[in-house]
Amino acid sequence: NPLVVKTNKNAMRDFLYSSECARGMIAAMKYGRTGEIYNLGTGKVIAIEQIAVMLCEIYGRSLEFIHEQDGSPQIRCMDMSKSNKELGFVANNGSIRKNLEQTVEWYKANRDTEKFDPFK
């Protein structure tokens, strides 16, 4: 079964790996000001299509895109200037492909214990 992705495949998004997100949240709790909002991201974008292609290569699945315009912005990228300055947070996201590989490994190792497996 192919992975079916219904979205604007050319949309660009800022993806942050979960461990980096957790590190940013800890920095916000330690150094952030009460009532303030801090963006957590990389400040860099990648096309959703590229993410989906990599994910399918890693998982050994085919890919089917259903192009849909959902009204969301073409590019969503975090402005990291406030988090950089006030929290000292700079994402060390590493390789997106490596992060996806680690995520797929986790899903495969935990698929029997998790209620949600998007690859079934």
PDB file of N, CA and C in Angstrom:
ATOM      1  N   ASN A   1       0.829  -1.186   0.000  1.00  0.00           N
ATOM      2  CA  ASN A   1       0.000   0.000   0.000  1.00  0.00           C
ATOM      3  C   ASN A   1       0.871   1.246   0.000  1.00  0.00           C
ATOM      4  N   PRO A   2       0.564   2.171  -0.880  1.00  0.00           N
ATOM      5  CA  PRO A   2       1.365   3.397  -0.881  1.00  0.00           C
ATOM      6  C   PRO A   2       0.988   4.304   0.285  1.00  0.00           C
ATOM      7  N   LEU A   3       1.924   5.144   0.656  1.00  0.00           N
ATOM      8  CA  LEU A   3       1.630   6.208   1.602  1.00  0.00           C
ATOM      9  C   LEU A   3       0.937   7.291   0.792  1.00  0.00           C
ATOM     10  N   VAL A   4      -0.282   7.634   1.159  1.00  0.00           N
ATOM     11  CA  VAL A   4      -1.040   8.660   0.445  1.00  0.00           C
ATOM     12  C   VAL A   4      -0.926   9.964   1.217  1.00  0.00           C
ATOM     13  N   VAL A   5      -0.430  10.979   0.533  1.00  0.00           N
ATOM     14  CA  VAL A   5      -0.251  12.294   1.140  1.00  0.00           C
ATOM     15  C   VAL A   5      -1.164  13.260   0.414  1.00  0.00           C
ATOM     16  N   LYS A   6      -2.105  13.827   1.156  1.00  0.00           N
ATOM     17  CA  LYS A   6      -3.040  14.801   0.597  1.00  0.00           C
ATOM     18  C   LYS A   6      -2.632  16.177   1.089  1.00  0.00           C
ATOM     19  N   THR A   7      -1.946  16.908   0.249  1.00  0.00           N
ATOM     20  CA  THR A   7      -1.473  18.239   0.632  1.00  0.00           C
ATOM     21  C   THR A   7      -0.912  18.941  -0.584  1.00  0.00           C
ATOM     22  N   ASN A   8      -0.515  20.153  -0.387  1.00  0.00           N
ATOM     23  CA  ASN A   8       0.231  20.888  -1.397  1.00  0.00           C
ATOM     24  C   ASN A   8       1.674  20.423  -1.281  1.00  0.00           C
ATOM     25  N   LYS A   9       2.103  19.556  -2.182  1.00  0.00           N
ATOM     26  CA  LYS A   9       3.425  18.940  -2.056  1.00  0.00           C
ATOM     27  C   LYS A   9       4.569  19.937  -2.165  1.00  0.00           C
ATOM     28  N   ASN A  10       4.296  21.117  -2.704  1.00  0.00           N
ATOM     29  CA  ASN A  10       5.336  22.131  -2.837  1.00  0.00           C
ATOM     30  C   ASN A  10       5.431  23.041  -1.620  1.00  0.00           C
ATOM     31  N   ALA A  11       4.534  22.869  -0.670  1.00  0.00           N
ATOM     32  CA  ALA A  11       4.573  23.688   0.532  1.00  0.00           C
ATOM     33  C   ALA A  11       5.880  23.441   1.281  1.00  0.00           C
ATOM     34  N   MET A  12       6.392  24.484   1.864  1.00  0.00           N
ATOM     35  CA  MET A  12       7.657  24.416   2.595  1.00  0.00           C
ATOM     36  C   MET A  12       7.363  24.587   4.081  1.00  0.00           C
ATOM     37  N   ARG A  13       7.995  23.741   4.900  1.00  0.00           N
ATOM     38  CA  ARG A  13       7.771  23.791   6.337  1.00  0.00           C
ATOM     39  C   ARG A  13       9.097  23.693   7.092  1.00  0.00           C
ATOM     40  N   ASP A  14       9.074  24.173   8.317  1.00  0.00           N
ATOM     41  CA  ASP A  14      10.211  24.127   9.236  1.00  0.00           C
ATOM     42  C   ASP A  14       9.983  22.919  10.149  1.00  0.00           C
ATOM     43  N   PHE A  15      10.780  21.878   9.982  1.00  0.00           N
ATOM     44  CA  PHE A  15      10.638  20.662  10.787  1.00  0.00           C
ATOM     45  C   PHE A  15      11.716  20.630  11.866  1.00  0.00           C
ATOM     46  N   LEU A  16      11.285  20.354  13.087  1.00  0.00           N
ATOM     47  CA  LEU A  16      12.194  20.287  14.229  1.00  0.00           C
ATOM     48  C   LEU A  16      12.102  18.888  14.833  1.00  0.00           C
ATOM     49  N   TYR A  17      13.234  18.245  15.021  1.00  0.00           N
ATOM     50  CA  TYR A  17      13.261  16.896  15.593  1.00  0.00           C
ATOM     51  C   TYR A  17      12.808  16.946  17.052  1.00  0.00           C
ATOM     52  N   SER A  18      12.164  15.905  17.495  1.00  0.00           N
ATOM     53  CA  SER A  18      11.526  15.887  18.817  1.00  0.00           C
ATOM     54  C   SER A  18      12.492  16.164  19.972  1.00  0.00           C
ATOM     55  N   SER A  19      13.689  15.611  19.925  1.00  0.00           N
ATOM     56  CA  SER A  19      14.628  15.849  21.030  1.00  0.00           C
ATOM     57  C   SER A  19      15.076  17.307  21.066  1.00  0.00           C
ATOM     58  N   GLU A  20      15.170  17.933  19.909  1.00  0.00           N
ATOM     59  CA  GLU A  20      15.516  19.354  19.864  1.00  0.00           C
ATOM     60  C   GLU A  20      14.356  20.202  20.376  1.00  0.00           C
ATOM     61  N   CYS A  21      13.143  19.797  20.067  1.00  0.00           N
ATOM     62  CA  CYS A  21      11.964  20.495  20.581  1.00  0.00           C
ATOM     63  C   CYS A  21      11.945  20.426  22.105  1.00  0.00           C
ATOM     64  N   ALA A  22      12.214  19.248  22.643  1.00  0.00           N
ATOM     65  CA  ALA A  22      12.249  19.082  24.102  1.00  0.00           C
ATOM     66  C   ALA A  22      13.335  19.961  24.717  1.00  0.00           C
ATOM     67  N   ARG A  23      14.483  20.018  24.074  1.00  0.00           N
ATOM     68  CA  ARG A  23      15.576  20.861  24.574  1.00  0.00           C
ATOM     69  C   ARG A  23      15.159  22.330  24.572  1.00  0.00           C
ATOM     70  N   GLY A  24      14.450  22.752  23.531  1.00  0.00           N
ATOM     71  CA  GLY A  24      13.967  24.121  23.460  1.00  0.00           C
ATOM     72  C   GLY A  24      12.932  24.418  24.529  1.00  0.00           C
ATOM     73  N   MET A  25      12.067  23.454  24.823  1.00  0.00           N
ATOM     74  CA  MET A  25      11.057  23.637  25.865  1.00  0.00           C
ATOM     75  C   MET A  25      11.707  23.774  27.240  1.00  0.00           C
ATOM     76  N   ILE A  26      12.728  22.985  27.483  1.00  0.00           N
ATOM     77  CA  ILE A  26      13.458  23.095  28.754  1.00  0.00           C
ATOM     78  C   ILE A  26      14.131  24.455  28.858  1.00  0.00           C
ATOM     79  N   ALA A  27      14.715  24.924  27.751  1.00  0.00           N
ATOM     80  CA  ALA A  27      15.338  26.252  27.754  1.00  0.00           C
ATOM     81  C   ALA A  27      14.295  27.335  28.045  1.00  0.00           C
ATOM     82  N   ALA A  28      13.091  27.185  27.486  1.00  0.00           N
ATOM     83  CA  ALA A  28      12.025  28.169  27.737  1.00  0.00           C
ATOM     84  C   ALA A  28      11.607  28.157  29.203  1.00  0.00           C
ATOM     85  N   MET A  29      11.544  26.972  29.800  1.00  0.00           N
ATOM     86  CA  MET A  29      11.179  26.898  31.223  1.00  0.00           C
ATOM     87  C   MET A  29      12.261  27.497  32.112  1.00  0.00           C
ATOM     88  N   LYS A  30      13.514  27.281  31.750  1.00  0.00           N
ATOM     89  CA  LYS A  30      14.623  27.784  32.570  1.00  0.00           C
ATOM     90  C   LYS A  30      14.851  29.283  32.389  1.00  0.00           C
ATOM     91  N   TYR A  31      14.840  29.735  31.126  1.00  0.00           N
ATOM     92  CA  TYR A  31      15.304  31.083  30.825  1.00  0.00           C
ATOM     93  C   TYR A  31      14.223  32.015  30.297  1.00  0.00           C
ATOM     94  N   GLY A  32      13.065  31.465  29.961  1.00  0.00           N
ATOM     95  CA  GLY A  32      12.009  32.288  29.376  1.00  0.00           C
ATOM     96  C   GLY A  32      11.316  33.169  30.393  1.00  0.00           C
ATOM     97  N   ARG A  33      10.725  34.242  29.895  1.00  0.00           N
ATOM     98  CA  ARG A  33       9.979  35.168  30.744  1.00  0.00           C
ATOM     99  C   ARG A  33       8.526  34.712  30.823  1.00  0.00           C
ATOM    100  N   THR A  34       7.936  34.784  31.988  1.00  0.00           N
ATOM    101  CA  THR A  34       6.551  34.393  32.218  1.00  0.00           C
ATOM    102  C   THR A  34       5.629  35.147  31.268  1.00  0.00           C
ATOM    103  N   GLY A  35       4.719  34.411  30.633  1.00  0.00           N
ATOM    104  CA  GLY A  35       3.736  35.003  29.739  1.00  0.00           C
ATOM    105  C   GLY A  35       4.224  35.248  28.331  1.00  0.00           C
ATOM    106  N   GLU A  36       5.479  34.997  28.064  1.00  0.00           N
ATOM    107  CA  GLU A  36       6.030  35.202  26.719  1.00  0.00           C
ATOM    108  C   GLU A  36       5.853  33.958  25.866  1.00  0.00           C
ATOM    109  N   ILE A  37       5.847  34.148  24.577  1.00  0.00           N
ATOM    110  CA  ILE A  37       5.743  33.057  23.603  1.00  0.00           C
ATOM    111  C   ILE A  37       7.068  32.959  22.869  1.00  0.00           C
ATOM    112  N   TYR A  38       7.576  31.724  22.757  1.00  0.00           N
ATOM    113  CA  TYR A  38       8.845  31.485  22.080  1.00  0.00           C
ATOM    114  C   TYR A  38       8.646  30.476  20.960  1.00  0.00           C
ATOM    115  N   ASN A  39       9.135  30.824  19.770  1.00  0.00           N
ATOM    116  CA  ASN A  39       9.103  29.885  18.654  1.00  0.00           C
ATOM    117  C   ASN A  39      10.217  28.870  18.819  1.00  0.00           C
ATOM    118  N   LEU A  40       9.921  27.640  18.484  1.00  0.00           N
ATOM    119  CA  LEU A  40      10.935  26.590  18.455  1.00  0.00           C
ATOM    120  C   LEU A  40      10.940  26.000  17.053  1.00  0.00           C
ATOM    121  N   GLY A  41      12.049  26.100  16.388  1.00  0.00           N
ATOM    122  CA  GLY A  41      12.189  25.579  15.031  1.00  0.00           C
ATOM    123  C   GLY A  41      13.638  25.661  14.625  1.00  0.00           C
ATOM    124  N   THR A  42      13.868  25.441  13.357  1.00  0.00           N
ATOM    125  CA  THR A  42      15.230  25.511  12.833  1.00  0.00           C
ATOM    126  C   THR A  42      15.507  26.825  12.121  1.00  0.00           C
ATOM    127  N   GLY A  43      14.427  27.471  11.678  1.00  0.00           N
ATOM    128  CA  GLY A  43      14.600  28.665  10.861  1.00  0.00           C
ATOM    129  C   GLY A  43      14.904  28.327   9.419  1.00  0.00           C
ATOM    130  N   LYS A  44      14.775  27.047   9.055  1.00  0.00           N
ATOM    131  CA  LYS A  44      15.033  26.581   7.686  1.00  0.00           C
ATOM    132  C   LYS A  44      13.832  25.765   7.220  1.00  0.00           C
ATOM    133  N   VAL A  45      13.571  25.794   5.924  1.00  0.00           N
ATOM    134  CA  VAL A  45      12.424  25.065   5.396  1.00  0.00           C
ATOM    135  C   VAL A  45      12.851  23.962   4.438  1.00  0.00           C
ATOM    136  N   ILE A  46      11.946  22.992   4.291  1.00  0.00           N
ATOM    137  CA  ILE A  46      12.114  21.910   3.326  1.00  0.00           C
ATOM    138  C   ILE A  46      10.719  21.593   2.779  1.00  0.00           C
ATOM    139  N   ALA A  47      10.657  21.192   1.521  1.00  0.00           N
ATOM    140  CA  ALA A  47       9.371  20.890   0.892  1.00  0.00           C
ATOM    141  C   ALA A  47       8.770  19.623   1.495  1.00  0.00           C
ATOM    142  N   ILE A  48       7.467  19.652   1.707  1.00  0.00           N
ATOM    143  CA  ILE A  48       6.758  18.477   2.213  1.00  0.00           C
ATOM    144  C   ILE A  48       6.994  17.281   1.295  1.00  0.00           C
ATOM    145  N   GLU A  49       7.065  17.528   0.000  1.00  0.00           N
ATOM    146  CA  GLU A  49       7.321  16.440  -0.954  1.00  0.00           C
ATOM    147  C   GLU A  49       8.652  15.751  -0.655  1.00  0.00           C
ATOM    148  N   GLN A  50       9.692  16.512  -0.337  1.00  0.00           N
ATOM    149  CA  GLN A  50      10.994  15.921  -0.034  1.00  0.00           C
ATOM    150  C   GLN A  50      10.923  15.051   1.215  1.00  0.00           C
ATOM    151  N   ILE A  51      10.207  15.520   2.226  1.00  0.00           N
ATOM    152  CA  ILE A  51      10.048  14.731   3.452  1.00  0.00           C
ATOM    153  C   ILE A  51       9.336  13.421   3.136  1.00  0.00           C
ATOM    154  N   ALA A  52       8.246  13.499   2.381  1.00  0.00           N
ATOM    155  CA  ALA A  52       7.468  12.301   2.055  1.00  0.00           C
ATOM    156  C   ALA A  52       8.288  11.308   1.227  1.00  0.00           C
ATOM    157  N   VAL A  53       9.054  11.796   0.271  1.00  0.00           N
ATOM    158  CA  VAL A  53       9.888  10.916  -0.561  1.00  0.00           C
ATOM    159  C   VAL A  53      10.925  10.204   0.314  1.00  0.00           C
ATOM    160  N   MET A  54      11.608  10.954   1.178  1.00  0.00           N
ATOM    161  CA  MET A  54      12.612  10.343   2.067  1.00  0.00           C
ATOM    162  C   MET A  54      11.969   9.303   2.974  1.00  0.00           C
ATOM    163  N   LEU A  55      10.830   9.646   3.537  1.00  0.00           N
ATOM    164  CA  LEU A  55      10.149   8.737   4.445  1.00  0.00           C
ATOM    165  C   LEU A  55       9.778   7.438   3.745  1.00  0.00           C
ATOM    166  N   CYS A  56       9.284   7.526   2.535  1.00  0.00           N
ATOM    167  CA  CYS A  56       8.916   6.318   1.789  1.00  0.00           C
ATOM    168  C   CYS A  56      10.138   5.498   1.399  1.00  0.00           C
ATOM    169  N   GLU A  57      11.231   6.155   1.052  1.00  0.00           N
ATOM    170  CA  GLU A  57      12.470   5.430   0.754  1.00  0.00           C
ATOM    171  C   GLU A  57      12.938   4.656   1.982  1.00  0.00           C
ATOM    172  N   ILE A  58      12.905   5.307   3.126  1.00  0.00           N
ATOM    173  CA  ILE A  58      13.356   4.690   4.375  1.00  0.00           C
ATOM    174  C   ILE A  58      12.452   3.523   4.752  1.00  0.00           C
ATOM    175  N   TYR A  59      11.162   3.714   4.619  1.00  0.00           N
ATOM    176  CA  TYR A  59      10.196   2.714   5.058  1.00  0.00           C
ATOM    177  C   TYR A  59       9.956   1.636   4.005  1.00  0.00           C
ATOM    178  N   GLY A  60      10.432   1.874   2.776  1.00  0.00           N
ATOM    179  CA  GLY A  60      10.238   0.894   1.710  1.00  0.00           C
ATOM    180  C   GLY A  60       8.816   0.891   1.171  1.00  0.00           C
ATOM    181  N   ARG A  61       8.218   2.048   1.097  1.00  0.00           N
ATOM    182  CA  ARG A  61       6.846   2.165   0.605  1.00  0.00           C
ATOM    183  C   ARG A  61       6.816   3.053  -0.627  1.00  0.00           C
ATOM    184  N   SER A  62       5.805   2.860  -1.441  1.00  0.00           N
ATOM    185  CA  SER A  62       5.602   3.765  -2.559  1.00  0.00           C
ATOM    186  C   SER A  62       4.828   4.986  -2.068  1.00  0.00           C
ATOM    187  N   LEU A  63       4.794   6.004  -2.883  1.00  0.00           N
ATOM    188  CA  LEU A  63       4.203   7.273  -2.494  1.00  0.00           C
ATOM    189  C   LEU A  63       3.171   7.700  -3.518  1.00  0.00           C
ATOM    190  N   GLU A  64       2.042   8.158  -3.034  1.00  0.00           N
ATOM    191  CA  GLU A  64       1.016   8.728  -3.902  1.00  0.00           C
ATOM    192  C   GLU A  64       0.647  10.097  -3.344  1.00  0.00           C
ATOM    193  N   PHE A  65       0.832  11.126  -4.173  1.00  0.00           N
ATOM    194  CA  PHE A  65       0.451  12.468  -3.769  1.00  0.00           C
ATOM    195  C   PHE A  65      -0.900  12.808  -4.349  1.00  0.00           C
ATOM    196  N   ILE A  66      -1.757  13.345  -3.532  1.00  0.00           N
ATOM    197  CA  ILE A  66      -3.003  13.939  -3.983  1.00  0.00           C
ATOM    198  C   ILE A  66      -2.857  15.419  -3.678  1.00  0.00           C
ATOM    199  N   HIS A  67      -2.639  16.176  -4.745  1.00  0.00           N
ATOM    200  CA  HIS A  67      -2.360  17.599  -4.571  1.00  0.00           C
ATOM    201  C   HIS A  67      -3.632  18.325  -4.147  1.00  0.00           C
ATOM    202  N   GLU A  68      -3.560  18.973  -2.993  1.00  0.00           N
ATOM    203  CA  GLU A  68      -4.686  19.746  -2.482  1.00  0.00           C
ATOM    204  C   GLU A  68      -4.193  21.100  -2.016  1.00  0.00           C
ATOM    205  N   GLN A  69      -4.915  22.124  -2.373  1.00  0.00           N
ATOM    206  CA  GLN A  69      -4.660  23.449  -1.836  1.00  0.00           C
ATOM    207  C   GLN A  69      -5.539  23.575  -0.605  1.00  0.00           C
ATOM    208  N   ASP A  70      -4.930  23.725   0.541  1.00  0.00           N
ATOM    209  CA  ASP A  70      -5.704  23.772   1.779  1.00  0.00           C
ATOM    210  C   ASP A  70      -5.841  25.177   2.340  1.00  0.00           C
ATOM    211  N   GLY A  71      -5.351  26.158   1.638  1.00  0.00           N
ATOM    212  CA  GLY A  71      -5.453  27.529   2.110  1.00  0.00           C
ATOM    213  C   GLY A  71      -4.365  27.937   3.088  1.00  0.00           C
ATOM    214  N   SER A  72      -3.487  26.999   3.450  1.00  0.00           N
ATOM    215  CA  SER A  72      -2.404  27.342   4.374  1.00  0.00           C
ATOM    216  C   SER A  72      -1.288  28.055   3.600  1.00  0.00           C
ATOM    217  N   PRO A  73      -0.446  28.788   4.305  1.00  0.00           N
ATOM    218  CA  PRO A  73       0.639  29.503   3.635  1.00  0.00           C
ATOM    219  C   PRO A  73       1.583  28.545   2.909  1.00  0.00           C
ATOM    220  N   GLN A  74       2.144  29.008   1.808  1.00  0.00           N
ATOM    221  CA  GLN A  74       3.096  28.202   1.033  1.00  0.00           C
ATOM    222  C   GLN A  74       4.340  27.895   1.865  1.00  0.00           C
ATOM    223  N   ILE A  75       4.769  28.861   2.639  1.00  0.00           N
ATOM    224  CA  ILE A  75       5.980  28.686   3.459  1.00  0.00           C
ATOM    225  C   ILE A  75       5.647  29.006   4.915  1.00  0.00           C
ATOM    226  N   ARG A  76       6.001  28.066   5.795  1.00  0.00           N
ATOM    227  CA  ARG A  76       5.907  28.291   7.243  1.00  0.00           C
ATOM    228  C   ARG A  76       7.285  28.044   7.826  1.00  0.00           C
ATOM    229  N   CYS A  77       7.868  29.109   8.317  1.00  0.00           N
ATOM    230  CA  CYS A  77       9.213  29.013   8.873  1.00  0.00           C
ATOM    231  C   CYS A  77       9.264  29.849  10.147  1.00  0.00           C
ATOM    232  N   MET A  78       9.817  29.277  11.180  1.00  0.00           N
ATOM    233  CA  MET A  78       9.887  29.962  12.463  1.00  0.00           C
ATOM    234  C   MET A  78      10.894  31.107  12.437  1.00  0.00           C
ATOM    235  N   ASP A  79      10.502  32.229  13.032  1.00  0.00           N
ATOM    236  CA  ASP A  79      11.435  33.318  13.297  1.00  0.00           C
ATOM    237  C   ASP A  79      12.074  32.990  14.635  1.00  0.00           C
ATOM    238  N   MET A  80      13.320  32.620  14.599  1.00  0.00           N
ATOM    239  CA  MET A  80      14.001  32.134  15.798  1.00  0.00           C
ATOM    240  C   MET A  80      14.770  33.217  16.550  1.00  0.00           C
ATOM    241  N   SER A  81      14.673  34.478  16.117  1.00  0.00           N
ATOM    242  CA  SER A  81      15.500  35.531  16.716  1.00  0.00           C
ATOM    243  C   SER A  81      15.243  35.701  18.218  1.00  0.00           C
ATOM    244  N   LYS A  82      13.991  35.683  18.644  1.00  0.00           N
ATOM    245  CA  LYS A  82      13.685  35.868  20.070  1.00  0.00           C
ATOM    246  C   LYS A  82      14.182  34.675  20.894  1.00  0.00           C
ATOM    247  N   SER A  83      13.956  33.463  20.409  1.00  0.00           N
ATOM    248  CA  SER A  83      14.410  32.266  21.132  1.00  0.00           C
ATOM    249  C   SER A  83      15.930  32.188  21.173  1.00  0.00           C
ATOM    250  N   ASN A  84      16.567  32.595  20.076  1.00  0.00           N
ATOM    251  CA  ASN A  84      18.032  32.621  20.053  1.00  0.00           C
ATOM    252  C   ASN A  84      18.562  33.589  21.101  1.00  0.00           C
ATOM    253  N   LYS A  85      17.990  34.787  21.124  1.00  0.00           N
ATOM    254  CA  LYS A  85      18.479  35.855  22.000  1.00  0.00           C
ATOM    255  C   LYS A  85      18.145  35.600  23.468  1.00  0.00           C
ATOM    256  N   GLU A  86      16.887  35.285  23.763  1.00  0.00           N
ATOM    257  CA  GLU A  86      16.457  35.194  25.159  1.00  0.00           C
ATOM    258  C   GLU A  86      16.695  33.824  25.796  1.00  0.00           C
ATOM    259  N   LEU A  87      16.642  32.769  25.003  1.00  0.00           N
ATOM    260  CA  LEU A  87      16.798  31.414  25.546  1.00  0.00           C
ATOM    261  C   LEU A  87      18.164  30.820  25.236  1.00  0.00           C
ATOM    262  N   GLY A  88      18.866  31.414  24.289  1.00  0.00           N
ATOM    263  CA  GLY A  88      20.112  30.829  23.821  1.00  0.00           C
ATOM    264  C   GLY A  88      19.870  29.571  23.015  1.00  0.00           C
ATOM    265  N   PHE A  89      18.637  29.421  22.471  1.00  0.00           N
ATOM    266  CA  PHE A  89      18.280  28.200  21.752  1.00  0.00           C
ATOM    267  C   PHE A  89      18.583  28.320  20.267  1.00  0.00           C
ATOM    268  N   VAL A  90      19.443  27.437  19.800  1.00  0.00           N
ATOM    269  CA  VAL A  90      19.720  27.264  18.380  1.00  0.00           C
ATOM    270  C   VAL A  90      19.585  25.772  18.116  1.00  0.00           C
ATOM    271  N   ALA A  91      18.670  25.410  17.235  1.00  0.00           N
ATOM    272  CA  ALA A  91      18.424  23.995  16.964  1.00  0.00           C
ATOM    273  C   ALA A  91      19.638  23.340  16.328  1.00  0.00           C
ATOM    274  N   ASN A  92      19.974  22.173  16.818  1.00  0.00           N
ATOM    275  CA  ASN A  92      21.007  21.328  16.231  1.00  0.00           C
ATOM    276  C   ASN A  92      20.280  20.131  15.636  1.00  0.00           C
ATOM    277  N   ASN A  93      19.486  20.411  14.621  1.00  0.00           N
ATOM    278  CA  ASN A  93      18.574  19.416  14.054  1.00  0.00           C
ATOM    279  C   ASN A  93      19.288  18.287  13.332  1.00  0.00           C
ATOM    280  N   GLY A  94      20.508  18.530  12.878  1.00  0.00           N
ATOM    281  CA  GLY A  94      21.233  17.492  12.156  1.00  0.00           C
ATOM    282  C   GLY A  94      20.591  17.177  10.818  1.00  0.00           C
ATOM    283  N   SER A  95      20.804  15.980  10.350  1.00  0.00           N
ATOM    284  CA  SER A  95      20.292  15.534   9.062  1.00  0.00           C
ATOM    285  C   SER A  95      18.816  15.157   9.167  1.00  0.00           C
ATOM    286  N   ILE A  96      18.002  15.750   8.311  1.00  0.00           N
ATOM    287  CA  ILE A  96      16.579  15.413   8.314  1.00  0.00           C
ATOM    288  C   ILE A  96      16.392  13.937   7.992  1.00  0.00           C
ATOM    289  N   ARG A  97      17.155  13.418   7.048  1.00  0.00           N
ATOM    290  CA  ARG A  97      17.036  11.998   6.701  1.00  0.00           C
ATOM    291  C   ARG A  97      17.362  11.117   7.907  1.00  0.00           C
ATOM    292  N   LYS A  98      18.437  11.445   8.623  1.00  0.00           N
ATOM    293  CA  LYS A  98      18.805  10.664   9.810  1.00  0.00           C
ATOM    294  C   LYS A  98      17.692  10.733  10.853  1.00  0.00           C
ATOM    295  N   ASN A  99      17.112  11.912  11.046  1.00  0.00           N
ATOM    296  CA  ASN A  99      16.013  12.058  12.001  1.00  0.00           C
ATOM    297  C   ASN A  99      14.816  11.209  11.591  1.00  0.00           C
ATOM    298  N   LEU A 100      14.509  11.190  10.303  1.00  0.00           N
ATOM    299  CA  LEU A 100      13.408  10.353   9.820  1.00  0.00           C
ATOM    300  C   LEU A 100      13.721   8.870  10.019  1.00  0.00           C
ATOM    301  N   GLU A 101      14.966   8.469   9.754  1.00  0.00           N
ATOM    302  CA  GLU A 101      15.363   7.070   9.962  1.00  0.00           C
ATOM    303  C   GLU A 101      15.178   6.670  11.422  1.00  0.00           C
ATOM    304  N   GLN A 102      15.584   7.540  12.336  1.00  0.00           N
ATOM    305  CA  GLN A 102      15.426   7.252  13.765  1.00  0.00           C
ATOM    306  C   GLN A 102      13.949   7.165  14.142  1.00  0.00           C
ATOM    307  N   THR A 103      13.135   8.017  13.551  1.00  0.00           N
ATOM    308  CA  THR A 103      11.700   8.000  13.837  1.00  0.00           C
ATOM    309  C   THR A 103      11.071   6.706  13.336  1.00  0.00           C
ATOM    310  N   VAL A 104      11.419   6.264  12.132  1.00  0.00           N
ATOM    311  CA  VAL A 104      10.884   5.010  11.588  1.00  0.00           C
ATOM    312  C   VAL A 104      11.347   3.835  12.441  1.00  0.00           C
ATOM    313  N   GLU A 105      12.610   3.835  12.862  1.00  0.00           N
ATOM    314  CA  GLU A 105      13.101   2.770  13.745  1.00  0.00           C
ATOM    315  C   GLU A 105      12.267   2.709  15.018  1.00  0.00           C
ATOM    316  N   TRP A 106      11.965   3.874  15.586  1.00  0.00           N
ATOM    317  CA  TRP A 106      11.167   3.918  16.808  1.00  0.00           C
ATOM    318  C   TRP A 106       9.772   3.356  16.560  1.00  0.00           C
ATOM    319  N   TYR A 107       9.137   3.776  15.463  1.00  0.00           N
ATOM    320  CA  TYR A 107       7.798   3.262  15.148  1.00  0.00           C
ATOM    321  C   TYR A 107       7.810   1.747  14.994  1.00  0.00           C
ATOM    322  N   LYS A 108       8.806   1.237  14.265  1.00  0.00           N
ATOM    323  CA  LYS A 108       8.874  -0.216  14.063  1.00  0.00           C
ATOM    324  C   LYS A 108       9.081  -0.958  15.382  1.00  0.00           C
ATOM    325  N   ALA A 109       9.914  -0.415  16.255  1.00  0.00           N
ATOM    326  CA  ALA A 109      10.187  -1.063  17.540  1.00  0.00           C
ATOM    327  C   ALA A 109       9.011  -0.971  18.506  1.00  0.00           C
ATOM    328  N   ASN A 110       8.136   0.000  18.305  1.00  0.00           N
ATOM    329  CA  ASN A 110       7.060   0.248  19.255  1.00  0.00           C
ATOM    330  C   ASN A 110       5.667   0.085  18.677  1.00  0.00           C
ATOM    331  N   ARG A 111       5.573  -0.446  17.477  1.00  0.00           N
ATOM    332  CA  ARG A 111       4.260  -0.497  16.826  1.00  0.00           C
ATOM    333  C   ARG A 111       3.246  -1.336  17.596  1.00  0.00           C
ATOM    334  N   ASP A 112       3.685  -2.332  18.341  1.00  0.00           N
ATOM    335  CA  ASP A 112       2.741  -3.161  19.090  1.00  0.00           C
ATOM    336  C   ASP A 112       2.284  -2.496  20.383  1.00  0.00           C
ATOM    337  N   THR A 113       3.036  -1.503  20.837  1.00  0.00           N
ATOM    338  CA  THR A 113       2.675  -0.851  22.093  1.00  0.00           C
ATOM    339  C   THR A 113       1.988   0.495  21.874  1.00  0.00           C
ATOM    340  N   GLU A 114       2.038   1.006  20.673  1.00  0.00           N
ATOM    341  CA  GLU A 114       1.441   2.300  20.382  1.00  0.00           C
ATOM    342  C   GLU A 114       0.072   2.125  19.735  1.00  0.00           C
ATOM    343  N   LYS A 115      -0.842   3.014  20.060  1.00  0.00           N
ATOM    344  CA  LYS A 115      -2.185   2.947  19.499  1.00  0.00           C
ATOM    345  C   LYS A 115      -2.237   3.485  18.082  1.00  0.00           C
ATOM    346  N   PHE A 116      -1.277   4.339  17.707  1.00  0.00           N
ATOM    347  CA  PHE A 116      -1.296   4.983  16.398  1.00  0.00           C
ATOM    348  C   PHE A 116      -0.032   4.628  15.635  1.00  0.00           C
ATOM    349  N   ASP A 117      -0.201   3.981  14.511  1.00  0.00           N
ATOM    350  CA  ASP A 117       0.919   3.690  13.614  1.00  0.00           C
ATOM    351  C   ASP A 117       0.502   4.141  12.218  1.00  0.00           C
ATOM    352  N   PRO A 118       1.032   5.273  11.741  1.00  0.00           N
ATOM    353  CA  PRO A 118       0.587   5.794  10.451  1.00  0.00           C
ATOM    354  C   PRO A 118       1.022   4.939   9.274  1.00  0.00           C
ATOM    355  N   PHE A 119       1.840   3.916   9.499  1.00  0.00           N
ATOM    356  CA  PHE A 119       2.338   3.100   8.400  1.00  0.00           C
ATOM    357  C   PHE A 119       1.630   1.771   8.251  1.00  0.00           C
ATOM    358  N   LYS A 120       0.584   1.522   9.029  1.00  0.00           N
ATOM    359  CA  LYS A 120      -0.156   0.263   8.901  1.00  0.00           C
ATOM    360  C   LYS A 120      -1.030   0.290   7.692  1.00  0.00           C
TER     361      LYS A 120
END
